[in-house]
Amino acid sequence: MANMAQAIRLALHYGEERLGVTDVFGEDVGPPLGGVFTCTQGLRTAWNTPLDERGILGMAMGIAMTGRRPVAEIQFCDYIFNAIDLLKLAGNACWGSHGDFQLPMVVMTPVGSGIHGSLYHSHSIESIISHVPGWKVLMPSTPLDAYGLLISAIEDPNPVLFLPPKVLLRTKGDELIPGEPEDARELHALIDAPLGDRTQWKPQWPDVQPYRVPIGEAKLVREGKNATVVTYGRLAPVCQKAADELRAEGLSFDVLDLRSLVPFDLEAILRSVHKTRRILVVNEDTEVTNYGEHLLRKVVDRAWGELEAAPVLLAGADVPGIGMAWTLESASVPQQPGVVRAMRQLATAPARETGGFLATPLQLARYR
């Protein structure tokens, strides 16, 4: 089975061979490195840029305005903040031109904690980026979803941010990408560059097939009755493991992996909440003005009278960054033991009569 980095590489190869991708570029994206996480090794259209995030985004916008399809990489999402104004301009293009100018561009940048990246390589940026209108925002949690979401992103006529979680890039999936060999060692021999001299190396690409994850469609990865858990990215597999652990206590949960943050699948969330009448949103961005608050506000707007318990957000601590020591990183963003405790308390909180006042909100600081 491919890992997520390999899945991204296969999707980019499919894009340049069959979907009209003309340029894949960014810091160390081209040979010999092929990306700091190896996501762009061996690609025919990959090339290197200076260490200049504004230049990378400006170049992507210019290429897309000519009708070509670029995929630009910002090496770590932590370095995209100096180009927020360019993201805004790209998001404005279609709406501001009354549809005359589209920007078929993808910006790929890895996000999140889990690699001991400390202050400058651990950000989660969805709360900020989702506030920039005109962009679609995608975050996979499995290799197959990464493949399918990236193909959908490439085909989209307007800007898409593709945010693979750093810590999941070496995680293997449990579903084959259509056309990949079943033996992971065979795939490695075909598409992973050797160590040392790579000047004569060329990948032998498998005949991968089209597979698309529709933008805006969540995936129900666990099914249950006691509460709804909405999550994405690094924390999607964490919440699944937490749900599996709590089955031993007789508790079951709907776990929704959003996959697409903008637009997001509100109807899937509401269907689940209609069944469970309780909701927990889990992510690792800082808890102040968190993306999850927007999700909960939408649920309250549409399903206030159905909620049996106060809606809950479990998020990262309100601190300026994440320390390099594992103990500090672990304390700054949700981990599985804290997710288990939050899910257990929400599922077992006394029910109120629907339509009345909600119970006292759960105190979350202890759950990290």
Protein backbone atom coordinates (compact mmCIF):
# COMPACT_ATOMS: atom_id res chain seq x y z
CA MET A 1 0.00 0.00 0.00
CA ALA A 2 1.20 3.50 -0.82
CA ASN A 3 1.95 5.93 1.96
CA MET A 4 0.51 9.44 1.74
CA ALA A 5 3.64 10.98 0.22
CA GLN A 6 3.65 8.33 -2.51
CA ALA A 7 -0.09 8.82 -3.08
CA ILE A 8 0.43 12.56 -3.57
CA ARG A 9 3.26 11.85 -6.02
CA LEU A 10 1.07 9.43 -7.98
CA ALA A 11 -1.75 11.99 -8.14
CA LEU A 12 0.63 14.68 -9.39
CA HIS A 13 1.98 12.27 -12.01
CA TYR A 14 -1.57 11.49 -13.11
CA GLY A 15 -2.24 15.22 -13.22
CA GLU A 16 0.72 16.06 -15.44
CA GLU A 17 0.07 13.13 -17.78
CA ARG A 18 -3.74 13.32 -18.08
CA LEU A 19 -5.12 16.49 -16.50
CA GLY A 20 -2.93 19.17 -18.02
CA VAL A 21 -0.70 20.03 -15.07
CA THR A 22 2.05 22.13 -16.61
CA ASP A 23 4.22 23.12 -13.64
CA VAL A 24 4.92 21.62 -10.22
CA PHE A 25 7.24 23.95 -8.35
CA GLY A 26 8.45 25.28 -5.02
CA GLU A 27 11.43 25.15 -2.67
CA ASP A 28 13.40 21.91 -3.35
CA VAL A 29 10.43 20.49 -5.27
CA GLY A 30 12.48 19.56 -8.35
CA PRO A 31 15.51 17.29 -8.62
CA PRO A 32 17.54 16.11 -6.88
CA LEU A 33 15.50 16.25 -3.65
CA GLY A 34 11.94 16.02 -4.98
CA GLY A 35 10.41 17.79 -2.01
CA VAL A 36 11.36 17.79 1.65
CA PHE A 37 8.83 14.96 2.16
CA THR A 38 9.59 13.37 -1.28
CA CYS A 39 6.10 14.17 -2.58
CA THR A 40 7.43 15.42 -5.96
CA GLN A 41 10.25 13.00 -6.76
CA GLY A 42 10.58 12.08 -10.42
CA LEU A 43 7.83 14.34 -11.74
CA ARG A 44 8.37 15.49 -15.31
CA THR A 45 7.20 19.07 -14.73
CA ALA A 46 8.81 19.69 -11.31
CA TRP A 47 11.25 22.55 -10.84
CA ASN A 48 12.93 24.46 -8.02
CA THR A 49 12.29 28.04 -6.95
CA PRO A 50 14.14 30.45 -4.68
CA LEU A 51 13.18 30.50 -0.98
CA ASP A 52 10.44 33.02 -1.63
CA GLU A 53 6.85 32.19 -0.71
CA ARG A 54 5.51 35.40 -2.21
CA GLY A 55 7.31 34.65 -5.44
CA ILE A 56 5.96 31.10 -5.50
CA LEU A 57 2.34 32.23 -5.06
CA GLY A 58 2.73 35.13 -7.48
CA MET A 59 4.20 32.79 -10.09
CA ALA A 60 1.34 30.32 -9.60
CA MET A 61 -1.21 33.09 -10.10
CA GLY A 62 0.51 34.29 -13.28
CA ILE A 63 0.73 30.78 -14.74
CA ALA A 64 -2.91 30.07 -13.91
CA MET A 65 -4.06 33.37 -15.45
CA THR A 66 -2.65 32.19 -18.78
CA GLY A 67 -4.87 29.08 -18.62
CA ARG A 68 -2.18 26.63 -17.54
CA ARG A 69 -2.56 24.39 -14.46
CA PRO A 70 0.19 24.81 -11.86
CA VAL A 71 0.68 23.06 -8.54
CA ALA A 72 2.79 25.21 -6.23
CA GLU A 73 4.22 24.02 -2.94
CA ILE A 74 4.94 26.07 0.15
CA GLN A 75 7.44 23.81 1.89
CA PHE A 76 5.79 24.21 5.32
CA CYS A 77 2.49 25.97 5.97
CA ASP A 78 4.21 27.96 8.72
CA TYR A 79 5.77 30.13 5.98
CA ILE A 80 2.61 31.08 4.12
CA PHE A 81 1.71 33.98 6.41
CA ASN A 82 3.88 36.48 4.53
CA ALA A 83 1.74 35.92 1.45
CA ILE A 84 -1.77 36.21 2.89
CA ASP A 85 -2.46 39.24 0.69
CA LEU A 86 -1.66 37.17 -2.42
CA LEU A 87 -3.99 34.42 -1.25
CA LYS A 88 -6.68 37.05 -0.94
CA LEU A 89 -5.99 38.32 -4.48
CA ALA A 90 -6.14 34.81 -5.91
CA GLY A 91 -9.41 34.16 -4.09
CA ASN A 92 -10.86 37.40 -5.45
CA ALA A 93 -10.10 36.68 -9.11
CA CYS A 94 -13.19 34.81 -10.26
CA TRP A 95 -15.75 36.71 -8.16
CA GLY A 96 -14.17 40.09 -8.80
CA SER A 97 -14.09 39.53 -12.57
CA HIS A 98 -17.70 38.29 -12.69
CA GLY A 99 -16.39 34.91 -13.80
CA ASP A 100 -14.18 36.18 -16.60
CA PHE A 101 -10.92 35.13 -14.90
CA GLN A 102 -10.49 31.73 -13.31
CA LEU A 103 -7.33 30.53 -11.56
CA PRO A 104 -6.95 26.74 -11.95
CA MET A 105 -4.15 26.51 -9.39
CA VAL A 106 -3.38 24.24 -6.45
CA VAL A 107 -1.24 25.31 -3.52
CA MET A 108 0.05 22.35 -1.56
CA THR A 109 1.51 22.87 1.91
CA PRO A 110 1.92 20.38 4.78
CA VAL A 111 0.33 21.25 8.12
CA GLY A 112 0.20 20.35 11.77
CA SER A 113 2.18 18.85 14.59
CA GLY A 114 3.69 15.46 15.25
CA ILE A 115 7.21 15.77 13.77
CA HIS A 116 8.83 17.66 16.68
CA GLY A 117 8.97 20.72 14.47
CA SER A 118 8.69 23.23 17.31
CA LEU A 119 7.70 26.85 16.68
CA TYR A 120 8.34 27.03 12.94
CA HIS A 121 7.17 23.67 11.58
CA SER A 122 4.04 22.77 13.57
CA HIS A 123 1.27 25.23 12.67
CA SER A 124 -2.31 24.36 11.88
CA ILE A 125 -3.61 27.10 9.62
CA GLU A 126 -7.17 26.11 8.73
CA SER A 127 -8.80 28.72 10.95
CA ILE A 128 -6.90 31.51 9.17
CA ILE A 129 -6.97 30.09 5.64
CA SER A 130 -10.68 29.23 5.76
CA HIS A 131 -11.31 32.93 6.38
CA VAL A 132 -9.79 33.87 2.99
CA PRO A 133 -12.76 33.82 0.57
CA GLY A 134 -12.52 32.23 -2.84
CA TRP A 135 -10.41 29.21 -1.90
CA LYS A 136 -11.41 25.59 -1.45
CA VAL A 137 -9.50 23.95 1.43
CA LEU A 138 -8.83 20.20 1.58
CA MET A 139 -7.12 18.04 4.23
CA PRO A 140 -6.75 14.27 3.75
CA SER A 141 -6.15 11.70 6.46
CA THR A 142 -5.47 8.62 4.30
CA PRO A 143 -3.35 8.00 1.19
CA LEU A 144 -6.36 7.09 -0.95
CA ASP A 145 -8.19 10.27 0.08
CA ALA A 146 -5.02 12.28 -0.60
CA TYR A 147 -4.92 10.82 -4.11
CA GLY A 148 -8.60 11.43 -4.80
CA LEU A 149 -8.74 14.90 -3.26
CA LEU A 150 -5.65 16.07 -5.12
CA ILE A 151 -7.05 14.92 -8.45
CA SER A 152 -10.27 16.81 -7.71
CA ALA A 153 -8.22 19.86 -6.73
CA ILE A 154 -6.24 19.78 -9.97
CA GLU A 155 -9.44 19.59 -12.01
CA ASP A 156 -11.09 22.49 -10.18
CA PRO A 157 -11.15 25.74 -12.20
CA ASN A 158 -10.29 27.95 -9.22
CA PRO A 159 -7.79 28.05 -6.34
CA VAL A 160 -7.52 25.07 -4.01
CA LEU A 161 -5.38 24.68 -0.91
CA PHE A 162 -4.29 21.10 -0.32
CA LEU A 163 -3.11 20.57 3.26
CA PRO A 164 -1.60 17.13 3.95
CA PRO A 165 -0.79 16.56 7.65
CA LYS A 166 2.97 16.30 8.10
CA VAL A 167 2.83 13.43 10.56
CA LEU A 168 0.70 11.29 8.20
CA LEU A 169 2.90 11.60 5.12
CA ARG A 170 4.74 8.35 5.92
CA THR A 171 1.58 6.51 6.99
CA LYS A 172 0.51 3.66 4.74
CA GLY A 173 -3.11 3.23 3.78
CA ASP A 174 -5.30 0.16 3.95
CA GLU A 175 -6.87 0.69 0.51
CA LEU A 176 -5.09 0.42 -2.81
CA ILE A 177 -4.88 3.39 -5.12
CA PRO A 178 -6.39 2.23 -8.43
CA GLY A 179 -3.53 0.92 -10.54
CA GLU A 180 -0.83 0.74 -7.86
CA PRO A 181 0.92 -2.61 -7.33
CA GLU A 182 -0.24 -4.58 -4.31
CA ASP A 183 3.31 -5.12 -3.07
CA ALA A 184 4.60 -1.98 -1.30
CA ARG A 185 8.19 -3.05 -2.05
CA GLU A 186 7.41 -3.08 -5.76
CA LEU A 187 5.94 0.42 -5.59
CA HIS A 188 9.01 1.60 -3.66
CA ALA A 189 11.32 0.17 -6.35
CA LEU A 190 9.29 1.84 -9.09
CA ILE A 191 8.85 5.40 -7.84
CA ASP A 192 11.13 6.11 -4.85
CA ALA A 193 14.46 7.68 -5.76
CA PRO A 194 17.56 5.82 -4.53
CA LEU A 195 19.91 7.24 -1.94
CA GLY A 196 23.09 8.82 -3.27
CA ASP A 197 23.56 9.75 -6.93
CA ARG A 198 20.19 10.27 -8.64
CA THR A 199 21.37 11.92 -11.85
CA GLN A 200 20.48 8.92 -14.03
CA TRP A 201 17.42 7.76 -12.09
CA LYS A 202 13.97 7.87 -13.63
CA PRO A 203 10.78 6.54 -12.04
CA GLN A 204 8.80 3.72 -13.61
CA TRP A 205 5.28 4.94 -13.07
CA PRO A 206 2.48 2.39 -12.55
CA ASP A 207 -0.61 2.86 -14.67
CA VAL A 208 -2.68 4.58 -12.00
CA GLN A 209 -6.32 5.17 -12.77
CA PRO A 210 -8.71 8.06 -12.11
CA TYR A 211 -10.17 8.28 -8.62
CA ARG A 212 -11.86 11.38 -7.26
CA VAL A 213 -13.02 12.35 -3.81
CA PRO A 214 -15.74 14.97 -4.37
CA ILE A 215 -14.88 18.32 -2.82
CA GLY A 216 -17.31 19.04 0.01
CA GLU A 217 -18.10 15.42 0.90
CA ALA A 218 -17.31 14.05 4.37
CA LYS A 219 -16.68 10.37 5.12
CA LEU A 220 -18.34 8.42 7.93
CA VAL A 221 -15.43 6.33 9.25
CA ARG A 222 -17.11 4.95 12.38
CA GLU A 223 -20.82 4.51 13.05
CA GLY A 224 -22.52 4.68 16.43
CA LYS A 225 -25.35 6.14 18.45
CA ASN A 226 -24.03 7.96 21.54
CA ALA A 227 -22.46 11.08 20.00
CA THR A 228 -21.13 12.60 16.78
CA VAL A 229 -17.40 13.34 16.49
CA VAL A 230 -16.36 15.66 13.65
CA THR A 231 -12.66 15.84 12.83
CA TYR A 232 -10.08 15.84 10.02
CA GLY A 233 -6.38 15.49 9.26
CA ARG A 234 -4.06 14.08 11.94
CA LEU A 235 -6.87 13.65 14.42
CA ALA A 236 -9.14 11.58 12.16
CA PRO A 237 -7.29 8.31 12.86
CA VAL A 238 -6.89 9.35 16.52
CA CYS A 239 -10.67 9.74 16.89
CA GLN A 240 -11.26 6.41 15.17
CA LYS A 241 -8.94 4.68 17.64
CA ALA A 242 -10.66 6.46 20.52
CA ALA A 243 -14.06 5.26 19.28
CA ASP A 244 -12.73 1.70 19.00
CA GLU A 245 -11.38 1.91 22.56
CA LEU A 246 -14.69 3.13 23.97
CA ARG A 247 -16.66 0.27 22.41
CA ALA A 248 -15.41 -1.84 25.32
CA GLU A 249 -17.42 0.47 27.60
CA GLY A 250 -20.58 0.04 25.55
CA LEU A 251 -20.28 3.47 23.88
CA SER A 252 -20.39 4.00 20.13
CA PHE A 253 -19.83 7.10 18.01
CA ASP A 254 -20.37 8.46 14.56
CA VAL A 255 -16.91 9.68 13.53
CA LEU A 256 -16.95 12.00 10.52
CA ASP A 257 -13.73 12.79 8.65
CA LEU A 258 -14.53 16.08 6.90
CA ARG A 259 -11.73 15.81 4.28
CA SER A 260 -13.01 19.06 2.75
CA LEU A 261 -13.01 22.08 5.06
CA VAL A 262 -14.18 24.66 2.52
CA PRO A 263 -16.79 23.78 1.47
CA PHE A 264 -17.70 21.38 4.28
CA ASP A 265 -20.42 18.75 4.41
CA LEU A 266 -22.96 20.33 6.76
CA GLU A 267 -25.70 17.93 5.71
CA ALA A 268 -23.62 14.90 6.74
CA ILE A 269 -22.99 16.49 10.14
CA LEU A 270 -26.68 17.29 10.62
CA ARG A 271 -27.76 13.77 9.65
CA SER A 272 -25.48 12.39 12.31
CA VAL A 273 -26.50 14.92 14.96
CA HIS A 274 -30.16 14.18 14.24
CA LYS A 275 -29.39 10.57 15.22
CA THR A 276 -27.01 11.07 18.19
CA ARG A 277 -28.15 14.52 19.48
CA ARG A 278 -24.62 15.27 20.72
CA ILE A 279 -21.57 16.67 18.94
CA LEU A 280 -17.85 17.01 19.58
CA VAL A 281 -15.48 18.73 17.13
CA VAL A 282 -11.79 17.79 17.44
CA ASN A 283 -8.87 19.59 15.81
CA GLU A 284 -5.44 20.88 16.78
CA ASP A 285 -5.59 24.55 15.84
CA THR A 286 -5.61 26.96 18.77
CA GLU A 287 -8.98 27.14 20.48
CA VAL A 288 -9.53 30.91 20.09
CA THR A 289 -11.49 31.70 16.90
CA ASN A 290 -11.13 28.06 15.95
CA TYR A 291 -12.52 26.61 12.70
CA GLY A 292 -14.50 24.16 14.82
CA GLU A 293 -16.43 27.03 16.38
CA HIS A 294 -17.81 27.79 12.91
CA LEU A 295 -18.95 24.19 12.52
CA LEU A 296 -20.67 24.25 15.90
CA ARG A 297 -22.38 27.55 15.16
CA LYS A 298 -23.83 26.07 11.98
CA VAL A 299 -25.07 23.03 13.92
CA VAL A 300 -26.64 25.24 16.58
CA ASP A 301 -28.31 27.33 13.86
CA ARG A 302 -29.89 24.26 12.29
CA ALA A 303 -30.30 21.74 15.12
CA TRP A 304 -30.51 23.68 18.39
CA GLY A 305 -33.72 22.01 19.47
CA GLU A 306 -32.32 18.50 18.92
CA LEU A 307 -29.21 18.78 21.10
CA GLU A 308 -29.33 16.84 24.36
CA ALA A 309 -25.99 18.20 25.66
CA ALA A 310 -23.83 21.25 25.12
CA PRO A 311 -21.80 21.06 21.89
CA VAL A 312 -18.09 20.58 22.58
CA LEU A 313 -14.87 21.76 20.93
CA LEU A 314 -11.60 19.99 21.76
CA ALA A 315 -8.73 21.96 20.22
CA GLY A 316 -5.15 23.06 20.67
CA ALA A 317 -4.05 25.16 23.60
CA ASP A 318 -4.07 28.95 23.26
CA VAL A 319 -0.28 29.24 23.14
CA PRO A 320 1.94 31.00 20.56
CA GLY A 321 3.63 27.83 19.35
CA ILE A 322 4.54 24.24 20.06
CA GLY A 323 7.70 23.24 21.92
CA MET A 324 10.20 20.80 20.46
CA ALA A 325 10.14 18.49 23.49
CA TRP A 326 7.54 15.76 23.06
CA THR A 327 5.99 16.56 26.44
CA LEU A 328 5.36 20.16 25.36
CA GLU A 329 4.04 19.18 21.94
CA SER A 330 1.78 16.55 23.47
CA ALA A 331 0.37 19.06 25.95
CA SER A 332 -0.31 21.66 23.24
CA VAL A 333 -2.59 19.67 20.94
CA PRO A 334 -5.13 16.87 21.55
CA GLN A 335 -3.79 13.34 21.94
CA GLN A 336 -5.70 10.06 22.09
CA PRO A 337 -6.13 9.82 25.90
CA GLY A 338 -7.66 13.31 26.00
CA VAL A 339 -9.90 12.55 23.02
CA VAL A 340 -11.13 9.39 24.79
CA ARG A 341 -11.96 11.36 27.95
CA ALA A 342 -13.82 14.08 26.02
CA MET A 343 -15.83 11.52 24.03
CA ARG A 344 -16.69 9.55 27.16
CA GLN A 345 -17.90 12.59 29.11
CA LEU A 346 -19.99 13.92 26.23
CA ALA A 347 -21.60 10.52 25.62
CA THR A 348 -22.45 10.01 29.30
CA ALA A 349 -23.49 13.57 30.23
CA PRO A 350 -27.10 13.73 31.50
CA ALA A 351 -29.52 14.51 28.71
CA ARG A 352 -31.61 17.66 28.86
CA GLU A 353 -35.07 17.93 27.38
CA THR A 354 -34.67 19.01 23.77
CA GLY A 355 -35.69 22.60 23.19
CA GLY A 356 -34.63 23.82 26.65
CA PHE A 357 -31.45 25.45 27.90
CA LEU A 358 -28.21 23.57 27.35
CA ALA A 359 -26.26 22.14 30.24
CA THR A 360 -23.09 23.79 31.55
CA PRO A 361 -20.38 23.50 28.86
CA LEU A 362 -17.75 20.79 29.47
CA GLN A 363 -14.39 21.99 30.74
CA LEU A 364 -11.85 20.92 28.14
CA ALA A 365 -8.45 22.02 29.47
CA ARG A 366 -8.03 18.72 31.33
CA TYR A 367 -8.55 16.68 28.14
CA ARG A 368 -5.44 17.62 26.19
